[in-house]
Protein backbone atom coordinates (compact mmCIF):
# COMPACT_ATOMS: atom_id res chain seq x y z
CA MET A 1 21.87 -79.68 77.59
CA ILE A 2 17.96 -79.74 78.52
CA ARG A 3 16.79 -76.26 79.59
CA GLN A 4 13.54 -74.66 80.35
CA ASP A 5 11.74 -72.43 78.04
CA ARG A 6 8.29 -70.58 77.25
CA ASP A 7 6.79 -74.24 76.39
CA ASP A 8 7.30 -76.10 79.39
CA LYS A 9 7.70 -73.20 82.32
CA ARG A 10 4.66 -75.22 84.18
CA PHE A 11 6.55 -78.16 83.84
CA TYR A 12 9.98 -76.35 85.27
CA HIS A 13 8.12 -74.90 88.29
CA ILE A 14 6.44 -78.40 89.32
CA TRP A 15 9.79 -79.90 89.74
CA ALA A 16 11.44 -76.47 91.59
CA ASP A 17 8.37 -77.06 94.13
CA MET A 18 9.49 -80.70 94.20
CA LYS A 19 12.94 -80.05 95.03
CA THR A 20 11.71 -77.03 97.37
CA ARG A 21 9.43 -78.62 99.26
CA CYS A 22 11.90 -81.84 100.16
CA THR A 23 14.87 -79.46 100.60
CA ASN A 24 14.00 -76.59 102.22
CA PRO A 25 13.73 -75.81 105.31
CA ASN A 26 12.21 -71.94 104.99
CA CYS A 27 9.66 -73.68 102.77
CA LYS A 28 6.09 -74.05 104.62
CA LYS A 29 5.51 -77.75 103.08
CA TYR A 30 9.25 -78.77 104.27
CA ASN A 31 7.53 -79.94 107.83
CA LEU A 32 5.47 -82.45 105.75
CA TYR A 33 8.37 -83.14 102.98
CA GLY A 34 11.90 -83.05 103.73
CA GLY A 35 10.99 -82.37 107.60
CA ARG A 36 9.59 -86.25 107.63
CA GLY A 37 12.21 -87.73 105.21
CA ILE A 38 10.89 -87.16 101.71
CA LYS A 39 13.73 -86.74 98.90
CA VAL A 40 14.88 -85.90 95.58
CA CYS A 41 16.53 -89.24 93.84
CA ASN A 42 19.62 -88.03 93.36
CA ASP A 43 18.75 -88.22 89.41
CA TRP A 44 15.87 -85.57 89.38
CA ILE A 45 18.55 -83.13 91.43
CA LEU A 46 19.22 -81.98 87.60
CA TYR A 47 16.48 -80.49 85.83
CA ALA A 48 17.27 -81.85 82.53
CA ASN A 49 17.45 -85.62 83.86
CA PHE A 50 14.12 -84.83 85.51
CA LYS A 51 12.63 -84.01 82.17
CA ARG A 52 13.97 -86.45 80.39
CA ASP A 53 11.80 -89.35 82.63
CA MET A 54 8.38 -87.10 82.78
CA TRP A 55 8.50 -84.79 79.83
CA GLU A 56 6.41 -87.25 77.87
CA SER A 57 3.82 -88.48 80.52
CA TYR A 58 3.53 -85.09 81.65
CA GLN A 59 2.50 -83.79 77.86
CA LYS A 60 -0.03 -87.09 77.50
CA HIS A 61 -1.43 -86.16 80.99
CA VAL A 62 -1.91 -82.49 79.94
CA LYS A 63 -3.26 -83.61 76.32
CA GLU A 64 -5.91 -85.94 78.04
CA PHE A 65 -6.78 -83.55 81.48
CA GLY A 66 -5.58 -80.34 80.99
CA GLU A 67 -2.67 -77.94 82.30
CA LYS A 68 -4.10 -77.21 85.97
CA GLN A 69 -5.49 -81.00 86.27
CA THR A 70 -1.86 -81.93 85.90
CA THR A 71 0.24 -82.69 88.87
CA LEU A 72 3.15 -84.85 90.36
CA ASP A 73 1.75 -87.76 92.53
CA ARG A 74 3.53 -89.90 94.25
CA ILE A 75 2.76 -93.30 94.40
CA ASN A 76 4.24 -93.74 97.64
CA GLY A 77 2.99 -91.24 99.87
CA ASN A 78 6.15 -92.34 102.39
CA LYS A 79 8.66 -92.62 99.80
CA GLY A 80 10.40 -89.81 97.81
CA TYR A 81 10.00 -88.76 94.34
CA SER A 82 12.07 -91.26 92.03
CA LEU A 83 10.66 -92.07 88.38
CA ASP A 84 9.38 -95.51 89.90
CA ASN A 85 7.61 -93.20 92.52
CA CYS A 86 5.66 -90.78 90.83
CA ARG A 87 2.88 -90.21 88.12
CA TRP A 88 0.44 -87.51 87.06
CA ALA A 89 -2.22 -87.55 88.47
CA THR A 90 -5.56 -85.37 88.92
CA TYR A 91 -6.41 -83.39 91.95
CA SER A 92 -9.22 -85.92 92.26
CA GLU A 93 -6.82 -89.06 91.77
CA GLN A 94 -3.99 -87.40 93.97
CA ALA A 95 -7.08 -86.45 97.04
CA LYS A 96 -7.20 -90.45 97.28
CA ASN A 97 -4.09 -90.79 97.72
CA LEU A 98 -3.34 -88.46 100.98
CA ARG A 99 -1.73 -89.74 103.99
CA ASN A 100 -3.47 -88.91 106.55
CA LYS A 101 -7.16 -89.10 105.20
CA THR A 102 -10.02 -87.68 107.03
CA GLN A 103 -13.29 -89.61 106.28
CA TYR A 104 -16.69 -87.88 106.85
CA ILE A 105 -20.61 -88.74 107.13
CA ALA A 106 -22.58 -87.35 104.43
CA LYS A 107 -26.10 -87.30 105.47
CA ASN A 108 -28.63 -86.32 103.28
CA LEU A 109 -31.49 -84.88 105.34
CA ARG A 110 -34.34 -85.72 103.32
CA THR A 111 -34.45 -89.64 102.76
CA GLY A 112 -31.93 -90.16 105.84
CA GLU A 113 -29.58 -91.79 104.47
CA GLU A 114 -25.78 -91.84 105.78
CA ILE A 115 -22.62 -92.54 103.16
CA LYS A 116 -19.18 -92.74 104.37
CA VAL A 117 -17.25 -90.49 101.95
CA SER A 118 -13.71 -91.25 101.96
CA CYS A 119 -13.36 -88.71 98.68
CA CYS A 120 -14.82 -85.03 99.00
CA VAL A 121 -14.06 -84.40 95.19
CA ASP A 122 -15.46 -87.49 93.98
CA PHE A 123 -18.63 -87.16 96.61
CA CYS A 124 -19.08 -83.47 95.28
CA LYS A 125 -19.31 -84.63 91.60
CA GLU A 126 -21.81 -88.16 92.20
CA HIS A 127 -24.05 -85.55 94.21
CA ASN A 128 -23.59 -82.41 92.21
CA LEU A 129 -22.21 -80.56 94.61
CA SER A 130 -20.20 -77.66 96.09
CA LEU A 131 -16.82 -78.47 97.58
CA ASN A 132 -16.63 -75.47 99.06
CA ARG A 133 -19.66 -75.41 100.45
CA VAL A 134 -19.15 -79.24 101.44
CA TYR A 135 -16.35 -78.03 103.32
CA ASP A 136 -18.76 -74.56 104.34
CA THR A 137 -21.21 -77.49 105.93
CA ILE A 138 -17.94 -79.42 107.45
CA GLY A 139 -16.69 -76.59 109.41
CA GLY A 140 -19.75 -75.27 110.96
CA ARG A 141 -20.37 -72.27 108.40
CA GLN A 142 -23.36 -73.31 107.30
CA ALA A 143 -25.84 -76.38 108.55
CA TYR A 144 -26.29 -78.29 105.09
CA HIS A 145 -25.82 -77.94 101.45
CA LYS A 146 -28.39 -78.74 99.10
CA GLY A 147 -29.99 -81.40 101.81
CA TRP A 148 -27.14 -82.40 102.62
CA THR A 149 -24.89 -82.53 106.33
CA PHE A 150 -21.99 -83.99 107.28
CA TRP A 151 -19.23 -84.61 109.59
CA LYS A 152 -15.91 -85.56 110.17
CA VAL A 153 -15.55 -89.24 111.37
CA GLU A 154 -13.86 -89.44 114.86
CA LYS A 155 -10.26 -91.91 114.79
């Protein structure tokens, strides 16, 4: 039997959080997961099976991107957690895989250039911007950030 120990504490918590989101109606995020039919495959109900399937790839991802940038991601956000629908991803990669993705228009106040933004994380990296300041601008808490202003694209 594979058990959780100090070396895989974070990995264990990822598994436990996955199960909670899908099975516990008292979980704050249940409505986004179990409440809309997202399930954990029968095999992964047991931690040992999840570890058997995902531990090696988790270790590789952590080595390349670091523990804090290693998250469990469903490839198809409308399907459940299983070996064929899960991978390890960075937060930036996960942001590209959102179900209700909001798009924004970024306008450079100096040049007048307007860009449609699908992923704020990538846009901020490309233009050396603070993600928190961009969200402050989107939310109306400040007018602009480093010469850029943002607004949501209406659907």
